[in-house]
């Protein structure tokens, strides 16, 4: 991208680049469409809607519009970095490095102020310090749990994920949206009984 591009040309280029997120497949399967894998764009949209619907369960009062904006950009970096499966220890070894490099390129496509604003939302999600970021991170854990519970164990069965791994992964829900924790326990208990968790 050249510096001679107009503001609008940069914005359009970024928007078109985002279309590539639809090609990034996650390990989680959909509850419909014959077990097709969810893509990262679908995941981000789903989370943004969840942030509005479940806002009353956030431990602290949150600015839902900020949470939704954060969730809409939190996985944009996967265009370059790919999706790292939640239970892939090896994938996490260089995840941060891959994603930071991707964030530089992708948010750098936008006009400076706008790129910095979206990058700040992405950084906020990653740092997980503000009430909005904590709520967003809890939802990011909850959504795949819901899909796995309604798709016959989905990626849990495929990757032989254990009950203990799931409960560790869900810890942000217990901490930051405790009103949703009973749902987590019910789903994990049911998955254990059904043999979906190793």
Protein backbone atom coordinates (compact mmCIF):
# COMPACT_ATOMS: atom_id res chain seq x y z
CA UNK A 1 0.00 0.00 0.00
CA UNK A 2 1.44 3.35 -0.97
CA UNK A 3 1.35 6.53 1.08
CA UNK A 4 -0.24 8.33 -1.87
CA UNK A 5 -3.53 6.52 -1.26
CA UNK A 6 -6.42 8.67 -0.09
CA UNK A 7 -8.08 8.09 3.28
CA UNK A 8 -11.05 6.42 1.61
CA UNK A 9 -8.82 4.22 -0.56
CA UNK A 10 -7.02 3.00 2.58
CA UNK A 11 -10.32 2.31 4.34
CA UNK A 12 -11.70 0.38 1.36
CA UNK A 13 -8.46 -1.61 1.06
CA UNK A 14 -8.73 -2.58 4.75
CA UNK A 15 -12.39 -3.54 4.39
CA UNK A 16 -11.59 -5.75 1.40
CA UNK A 17 -8.67 -7.31 3.28
CA UNK A 18 -11.08 -8.23 6.09
CA UNK A 19 -12.95 -10.47 3.66
CA UNK A 20 -10.03 -12.89 3.99
CA UNK A 21 -11.11 -13.56 7.59
CA UNK A 22 -13.99 -15.58 6.15
CA UNK A 23 -11.42 -18.08 4.87
CA UNK A 24 -9.79 -18.64 8.28
CA UNK A 25 -11.31 -21.83 9.62
CA UNK A 26 -11.54 -22.55 13.31
CA UNK A 27 -11.64 -25.99 14.91
CA UNK A 28 -15.15 -25.40 16.25
CA UNK A 29 -17.96 -26.77 14.11
CA UNK A 30 -21.30 -25.09 13.58
CA UNK A 31 -24.43 -26.50 15.17
CA UNK A 32 -26.06 -26.51 11.71
CA UNK A 33 -24.81 -26.98 8.13
CA UNK A 34 -23.57 -30.54 8.49
CA UNK A 35 -20.76 -29.90 10.97
CA UNK A 36 -19.01 -27.34 8.77
CA UNK A 37 -16.19 -25.57 10.56
CA UNK A 38 -16.89 -22.06 11.75
CA UNK A 39 -14.76 -19.31 10.23
CA UNK A 40 -13.23 -16.49 12.25
CA UNK A 41 -15.52 -13.83 10.76
CA UNK A 42 -18.60 -15.81 11.86
CA UNK A 43 -17.06 -16.27 15.30
CA UNK A 44 -16.42 -12.52 15.69
CA UNK A 45 -19.95 -11.60 14.60
CA UNK A 46 -21.45 -14.17 16.96
CA UNK A 47 -19.45 -12.78 19.88
CA UNK A 48 -20.45 -9.19 19.11
CA UNK A 49 -24.12 -10.21 19.28
CA UNK A 50 -23.50 -12.21 22.47
CA UNK A 51 -21.93 -9.13 24.08
CA UNK A 52 -25.22 -7.28 23.72
CA UNK A 53 -27.48 -10.16 24.74
CA UNK A 54 -25.50 -11.23 27.82
CA UNK A 55 -24.29 -7.82 29.08
CA UNK A 56 -26.18 -8.18 32.38
CA UNK A 57 -23.84 -11.07 33.33
CA UNK A 58 -20.64 -9.00 33.24
CA UNK A 59 -19.24 -8.62 36.76
CA UNK A 60 -18.71 -4.88 36.27
CA UNK A 61 -20.75 -2.38 34.28
CA UNK A 62 -19.39 -2.37 30.73
CA UNK A 63 -19.68 -0.18 27.67
CA UNK A 64 -21.29 -2.74 25.37
CA UNK A 65 -20.48 -0.79 22.20
CA UNK A 66 -16.77 -0.88 23.15
CA UNK A 67 -17.00 -4.59 23.87
CA UNK A 68 -18.70 -5.27 20.52
CA UNK A 69 -16.08 -3.20 18.66
CA UNK A 70 -13.31 -5.09 20.46
CA UNK A 71 -14.85 -8.44 19.58
CA UNK A 72 -15.28 -7.48 15.93
CA UNK A 73 -11.52 -6.85 15.60
CA UNK A 74 -10.07 -9.32 18.12
CA UNK A 75 -9.42 -12.03 15.51
CA UNK A 76 -8.58 -9.81 12.51
CA UNK A 77 -4.92 -10.77 12.98
CA UNK A 78 -5.80 -14.35 12.04
CA UNK A 79 -5.83 -13.22 8.41
CA UNK A 80 -2.02 -13.42 8.60
CA UNK A 81 -1.39 -15.43 11.78
CA UNK A 82 -4.04 -18.13 11.32
CA UNK A 83 -6.28 -19.41 14.09
CA UNK A 84 -4.49 -21.08 16.98
CA UNK A 85 -6.65 -23.82 18.46
CA UNK A 86 -7.32 -23.19 22.15
CA UNK A 87 -5.84 -26.53 23.19
CA UNK A 88 -2.79 -26.49 20.89
CA UNK A 89 0.17 -25.94 23.25
CA UNK A 90 2.71 -25.91 20.41
CA UNK A 91 0.70 -23.32 18.51
CA UNK A 92 0.84 -20.97 21.49
CA UNK A 93 4.65 -20.92 21.49
CA UNK A 94 4.83 -18.25 18.78
CA UNK A 95 1.20 -17.08 18.73
CA UNK A 96 1.91 -13.70 20.31
CA UNK A 97 4.73 -12.93 17.89
CA UNK A 98 2.69 -13.96 14.83
CA UNK A 99 -0.33 -11.97 15.93
CA UNK A 100 1.59 -8.79 16.80
CA UNK A 101 3.27 -8.83 13.39
CA UNK A 102 -0.15 -9.29 11.77
CA UNK A 103 -1.63 -6.44 13.84
CA UNK A 104 1.11 -4.10 12.64
CA UNK A 105 0.40 -4.87 9.00
CA UNK A 106 -3.38 -4.99 9.11
CA UNK A 107 -4.15 -2.00 11.30
CA UNK A 108 -1.34 -0.18 9.52
CA UNK A 109 -3.40 -0.34 6.32
CA UNK A 110 -5.83 2.23 7.71
CA UNK A 111 -5.39 5.98 8.02
CA UNK A 112 -3.10 6.58 11.03
CA UNK A 113 -5.68 7.69 13.64
CA UNK A 114 -8.21 5.03 12.67
CA UNK A 115 -5.58 2.31 12.59
CA UNK A 116 -4.34 3.32 16.03
CA UNK A 117 -7.90 3.30 17.40
CA UNK A 118 -8.63 -0.23 16.14
CA UNK A 119 -5.18 -1.42 17.21
CA UNK A 120 -5.86 -0.02 20.70
CA UNK A 121 -9.11 -2.05 20.84
CA UNK A 122 -7.19 -5.17 19.79
CA UNK A 123 -4.46 -4.49 22.38
CA UNK A 124 -7.09 -3.92 25.07
CA UNK A 125 -8.64 -7.32 24.34
CA UNK A 126 -5.22 -9.01 24.44
CA UNK A 127 -4.15 -7.33 27.70
CA UNK A 128 -7.42 -8.32 29.40
CA UNK A 129 -7.25 -5.65 32.12
CA UNK A 130 -10.35 -3.48 31.64
CA UNK A 131 -13.87 -4.66 32.56
CA UNK A 132 -14.74 -4.57 28.83
CA UNK A 133 -11.77 -6.73 27.87
CA UNK A 134 -12.47 -9.22 30.63
CA UNK A 135 -16.10 -9.53 29.61
CA UNK A 136 -15.07 -9.91 25.96
CA UNK A 137 -12.54 -12.61 26.84
CA UNK A 138 -15.10 -14.51 28.91
CA UNK A 139 -17.49 -14.52 25.95
CA UNK A 140 -14.66 -15.65 23.65
CA UNK A 141 -14.38 -18.74 25.87
CA UNK A 142 -18.14 -19.26 26.16
CA UNK A 143 -19.04 -19.26 22.46
CA UNK A 144 -17.00 -22.36 21.43
CA UNK A 145 -18.25 -24.14 24.56
CA UNK A 146 -21.84 -23.55 23.42
CA UNK A 147 -21.11 -24.73 19.87
CA UNK A 148 -19.27 -27.86 21.05
CA UNK A 149 -22.16 -28.69 23.37
CA UNK A 150 -24.66 -28.56 20.49
CA UNK A 151 -22.51 -30.31 17.86
CA UNK A 152 -21.99 -33.64 19.61
CA UNK A 153 -18.74 -32.63 21.25
CA UNK A 154 -17.29 -31.06 18.07
CA UNK A 155 -13.63 -30.15 18.41
CA UNK A 156 -13.42 -31.66 21.90
CA UNK A 157 -13.97 -35.13 20.47
CA UNK A 158 -11.79 -34.54 17.42
CA UNK A 159 -8.82 -33.44 19.55
CA UNK A 160 -9.49 -35.61 22.61
CA UNK A 161 -9.80 -32.60 24.91
CA UNK A 162 -10.19 -33.41 28.61
CA UNK A 163 -12.67 -32.11 31.15
CA UNK A 164 -9.80 -30.50 33.08
CA UNK A 165 -8.58 -28.67 29.96
CA UNK A 166 -12.04 -27.26 29.31
CA UNK A 167 -12.52 -26.12 32.90
CA UNK A 168 -9.11 -24.39 32.87
CA UNK A 169 -9.98 -22.71 29.58
CA UNK A 170 -13.32 -21.53 30.99
CA UNK A 171 -11.80 -19.92 34.11
CA UNK A 172 -12.34 -16.34 32.79
CA UNK A 173 -16.08 -17.07 32.74
CA UNK A 174 -16.03 -18.04 36.41
CA UNK A 175 -14.07 -14.89 37.27
CA UNK A 176 -15.67 -12.25 35.05
CA UNK A 177 -19.18 -13.53 34.28
CA UNK A 178 -19.95 -15.75 37.29
CA UNK A 179 -23.66 -15.73 36.48
CA UNK A 180 -22.80 -17.84 33.43
CA UNK A 181 -20.62 -20.32 35.35
CA UNK A 182 -23.50 -22.71 36.21
CA UNK A 183 -24.14 -23.07 32.45
CA UNK A 184 -20.48 -23.97 31.94
CA UNK A 185 -20.58 -26.63 34.65
CA UNK A 186 -23.83 -28.07 33.28
CA UNK A 187 -22.37 -28.30 29.77
CA UNK A 188 -19.07 -29.82 30.96
CA UNK A 189 -20.88 -32.34 33.16
CA UNK A 190 -23.16 -33.33 30.30
CA UNK A 191 -20.23 -33.64 27.88
CA UNK A 192 -18.40 -35.83 30.39
CA UNK A 193 -21.39 -38.14 30.81
CA UNK A 194 -21.79 -38.42 27.05
CA UNK A 195 -18.11 -39.28 26.61
CA UNK A 196 -17.35 -36.15 24.55
CA UNK A 197 -14.46 -35.21 26.83
CA UNK A 198 -11.46 -37.50 27.18
